[in-house]
Amino acid sequence: MGKLIDSAVAHFNSKEIRQLRVDEWDCTLYSKNLSLSEKSKWLKRANGDGTDYLVYAVIYGVTDEKGENVFDIGDKTKLKEHVDPEVVSMVANFVLDLSAKDESEREKN
């Protein structure tokens, strides 16, 4: 029997790119599955600011269908001050995969 870590890595690598239709922005956004390392970088960069953490999730976690980022760090202020916070939160929760109601639903993704 192989090592458990090999099974864990294989599971993570097999997860599909996720997509979210955002009617408010008339687009479909995509997000890869994030590692703890990526989430940790955003958390450190946010320096304890939960709003910044959500904005970094949007900036660095949202892509187009080709996997290209659709936002950059220059969009941070606009995302924080001039974009509907409910939509930003929804998109950030999608990126962070916080929308699943329970573990069984998460496993479907």
C-alpha atoms as a PDB file:
ATOM      1  CA  MET A   1       0.000   0.000   0.000  1.00  0.00           C
ATOM      2  CA  GLY A   2       1.263   3.455  -0.917  1.00  0.00           C
ATOM      3  CA  LYS A   3       1.737   6.284   1.482  1.00  0.00           C
ATOM      4  CA  LEU A   4      -1.333   8.194   2.554  1.00  0.00           C
ATOM      5  CA  ILE A   5       0.276  11.456   1.463  1.00  0.00           C
ATOM      6  CA  ASP A   6       0.396  10.156  -2.106  1.00  0.00           C
ATOM      7  CA  SER A   7      -3.361   9.557  -2.006  1.00  0.00           C
ATOM      8  CA  ALA A   8      -3.950  13.000  -0.518  1.00  0.00           C
ATOM      9  CA  VAL A   9      -1.849  14.695  -3.223  1.00  0.00           C
ATOM     10  CA  ALA A  10      -3.540  12.695  -5.983  1.00  0.00           C
ATOM     11  CA  HIS A  11      -6.969  13.714  -4.651  1.00  0.00           C
ATOM     12  CA  PHE A  12      -6.041  17.415  -4.626  1.00  0.00           C
ATOM     13  CA  ASN A  13      -4.534  17.227  -8.118  1.00  0.00           C
ATOM     14  CA  SER A  14      -7.638  15.535  -9.510  1.00  0.00           C
ATOM     15  CA  LYS A  15     -10.030  18.284  -8.427  1.00  0.00           C
ATOM     16  CA  GLU A  16     -11.553  20.199 -11.317  1.00  0.00           C
ATOM     17  CA  ILE A  17     -11.475  23.918 -11.972  1.00  0.00           C
ATOM     18  CA  ARG A  18     -14.627  25.434 -10.501  1.00  0.00           C
ATOM     19  CA  GLN A  19     -16.849  28.033 -12.156  1.00  0.00           C
ATOM     20  CA  LEU A  20     -19.309  30.618 -10.916  1.00  0.00           C
ATOM     21  CA  ARG A  21     -21.846  32.569 -12.941  1.00  0.00           C
ATOM     22  CA  VAL A  22     -21.983  36.171 -11.694  1.00  0.00           C
ATOM     23  CA  ASP A  23     -25.121  37.688 -13.197  1.00  0.00           C
ATOM     24  CA  GLU A  24     -24.409  41.075 -11.598  1.00  0.00           C
ATOM     25  CA  TRP A  25     -21.218  41.320 -13.666  1.00  0.00           C
ATOM     26  CA  ASP A  26     -22.618  39.407 -16.671  1.00  0.00           C
ATOM     27  CA  CYS A  27     -19.768  36.896 -16.660  1.00  0.00           C
ATOM     28  CA  THR A  28     -18.612  33.469 -15.592  1.00  0.00           C
ATOM     29  CA  LEU A  29     -15.571  33.336 -13.321  1.00  0.00           C
ATOM     30  CA  TYR A  30     -13.275  30.422 -12.642  1.00  0.00           C
ATOM     31  CA  SER A  31     -11.074  29.341  -9.762  1.00  0.00           C
ATOM     32  CA  LYS A  32      -8.618  26.548  -9.270  1.00  0.00           C
ATOM     33  CA  ASN A  33      -8.576  24.693  -5.996  1.00  0.00           C
ATOM     34  CA  LEU A  34      -6.297  26.499  -3.574  1.00  0.00           C
ATOM     35  CA  SER A  35      -3.557  25.095  -1.418  1.00  0.00           C
ATOM     36  CA  LEU A  36      -3.126  26.112   2.209  1.00  0.00           C
ATOM     37  CA  SER A  37       0.098  27.803   1.148  1.00  0.00           C
ATOM     38  CA  GLU A  38      -1.749  30.121  -1.233  1.00  0.00           C
ATOM     39  CA  LYS A  39      -4.391  30.971   1.370  1.00  0.00           C
ATOM     40  CA  SER A  40      -1.649  31.599   3.926  1.00  0.00           C
ATOM     41  CA  LYS A  41       0.114  34.097   1.618  1.00  0.00           C
ATOM     42  CA  TRP A  42      -3.076  36.108   1.242  1.00  0.00           C
ATOM     43  CA  LEU A  43      -3.751  36.000   4.971  1.00  0.00           C
ATOM     44  CA  LYS A  44      -0.246  37.284   5.752  1.00  0.00           C
ATOM     45  CA  ARG A  45      -0.545  39.988   3.131  1.00  0.00           C
ATOM     46  CA  ALA A  46      -3.922  41.039   4.597  1.00  0.00           C
ATOM     47  CA  ASN A  47      -2.224  41.531   7.974  1.00  0.00           C
ATOM     48  CA  GLY A  48      -5.309  40.545   9.948  1.00  0.00           C
ATOM     49  CA  ASP A  49      -7.758  42.581   7.850  1.00  0.00           C
ATOM     50  CA  GLY A  50     -10.613  40.271   6.853  1.00  0.00           C
ATOM     51  CA  THR A  51     -11.771  42.597   4.093  1.00  0.00           C
ATOM     52  CA  ASP A  52      -8.313  42.652   2.529  1.00  0.00           C
ATOM     53  CA  TYR A  53      -8.204  38.848   2.737  1.00  0.00           C
ATOM     54  CA  LEU A  54     -11.447  38.618   0.755  1.00  0.00           C
ATOM     55  CA  VAL A  55     -10.188  41.133  -1.806  1.00  0.00           C
ATOM     56  CA  TYR A  56      -6.895  39.238  -2.217  1.00  0.00           C
ATOM     57  CA  ALA A  57      -8.899  36.057  -2.775  1.00  0.00           C
ATOM     58  CA  VAL A  58     -10.740  37.823  -5.604  1.00  0.00           C
ATOM     59  CA  ILE A  59      -7.606  39.395  -7.087  1.00  0.00           C
ATOM     60  CA  TYR A  60      -5.399  36.320  -6.991  1.00  0.00           C
ATOM     61  CA  GLY A  61      -7.967  33.525  -7.114  1.00  0.00           C
ATOM     62  CA  VAL A  62     -10.324  34.493  -9.942  1.00  0.00           C
ATOM     63  CA  THR A  63      -9.422  33.595 -13.501  1.00  0.00           C
ATOM     64  CA  ASP A  64     -10.989  33.490 -16.927  1.00  0.00           C
ATOM     65  CA  GLU A  65     -11.658  30.241 -18.764  1.00  0.00           C
ATOM     66  CA  LYS A  66      -8.014  30.113 -19.885  1.00  0.00           C
ATOM     67  CA  GLY A  67      -6.693  30.359 -16.322  1.00  0.00           C
ATOM     68  CA  GLU A  68      -5.554  33.975 -16.660  1.00  0.00           C
ATOM     69  CA  ASN A  69      -6.135  36.337 -13.734  1.00  0.00           C
ATOM     70  CA  VAL A  70      -8.927  38.818 -14.434  1.00  0.00           C
ATOM     71  CA  PHE A  71      -7.923  41.255 -11.677  1.00  0.00           C
ATOM     72  CA  ASP A  72      -4.588  42.608 -10.502  1.00  0.00           C
ATOM     73  CA  ILE A  73      -3.366  44.386  -7.384  1.00  0.00           C
ATOM     74  CA  GLY A  74      -4.172  47.736  -9.006  1.00  0.00           C
ATOM     75  CA  ASP A  75      -7.861  46.809  -8.713  1.00  0.00           C
ATOM     76  CA  LYS A  76      -7.736  46.493  -4.911  1.00  0.00           C
ATOM     77  CA  THR A  77      -9.052  49.962  -4.058  1.00  0.00           C
ATOM     78  CA  LYS A  78     -11.857  49.782  -6.606  1.00  0.00           C
ATOM     79  CA  LEU A  79     -12.884  46.335  -5.351  1.00  0.00           C
ATOM     80  CA  LYS A  80     -12.938  47.632  -1.762  1.00  0.00           C
ATOM     81  CA  GLU A  81     -14.579  50.997  -2.350  1.00  0.00           C
ATOM     82  CA  HIS A  82     -16.543  50.965  -5.599  1.00  0.00           C
ATOM     83  CA  VAL A  83     -17.854  47.423  -6.116  1.00  0.00           C
ATOM     84  CA  ASP A  84     -20.915  45.878  -4.471  1.00  0.00           C
ATOM     85  CA  PRO A  85     -19.514  44.294  -1.281  1.00  0.00           C
ATOM     86  CA  GLU A  86     -22.073  41.490  -1.401  1.00  0.00           C
ATOM     87  CA  VAL A  87     -20.840  40.430  -4.837  1.00  0.00           C
ATOM     88  CA  VAL A  88     -17.186  40.735  -3.804  1.00  0.00           C
ATOM     89  CA  SER A  89     -17.941  38.560  -0.762  1.00  0.00           C
ATOM     90  CA  MET A  90     -19.800  36.020  -2.882  1.00  0.00           C
ATOM     91  CA  VAL A  91     -16.900  35.770  -5.334  1.00  0.00           C
ATOM     92  CA  ALA A  92     -14.326  35.557  -2.526  1.00  0.00           C
ATOM     93  CA  ASN A  93     -16.316  32.814  -0.811  1.00  0.00           C
ATOM     94  CA  PHE A  94     -16.428  30.946  -4.118  1.00  0.00           C
ATOM     95  CA  VAL A  95     -12.638  31.236  -4.494  1.00  0.00           C
ATOM     96  CA  LEU A  96     -12.071  30.161  -0.903  1.00  0.00           C
ATOM     97  CA  ASP A  97     -14.657  27.377  -1.386  1.00  0.00           C
ATOM     98  CA  LEU A  98     -16.665  28.536   1.612  1.00  0.00           C
ATOM     99  CA  SER A  99     -20.044  28.156  -0.049  1.00  0.00           C
ATOM    100  CA  ALA A 100     -20.308  24.378   0.407  1.00  0.00           C
ATOM    101  CA  LYS A 101     -22.807  23.623   3.154  1.00  0.00           C
ATOM    102  CA  ASP A 102     -21.072  20.523   4.449  1.00  0.00           C
ATOM    103  CA  GLU A 103     -18.182  18.183   3.704  1.00  0.00           C
ATOM    104  CA  SER A 104     -20.249  15.904   1.467  1.00  0.00           C
ATOM    105  CA  GLU A 105     -21.106  18.853  -0.763  1.00  0.00           C
ATOM    106  CA  ARG A 106     -17.454  19.965  -0.823  1.00  0.00           C
ATOM    107  CA  GLU A 107     -16.422  16.532  -2.052  1.00  0.00           C
ATOM    108  CA  LYS A 108     -18.687  16.948  -5.090  1.00  0.00           C
ATOM    109  CA  ASN A 109     -16.482  19.873  -6.212  1.00  0.00           C
END
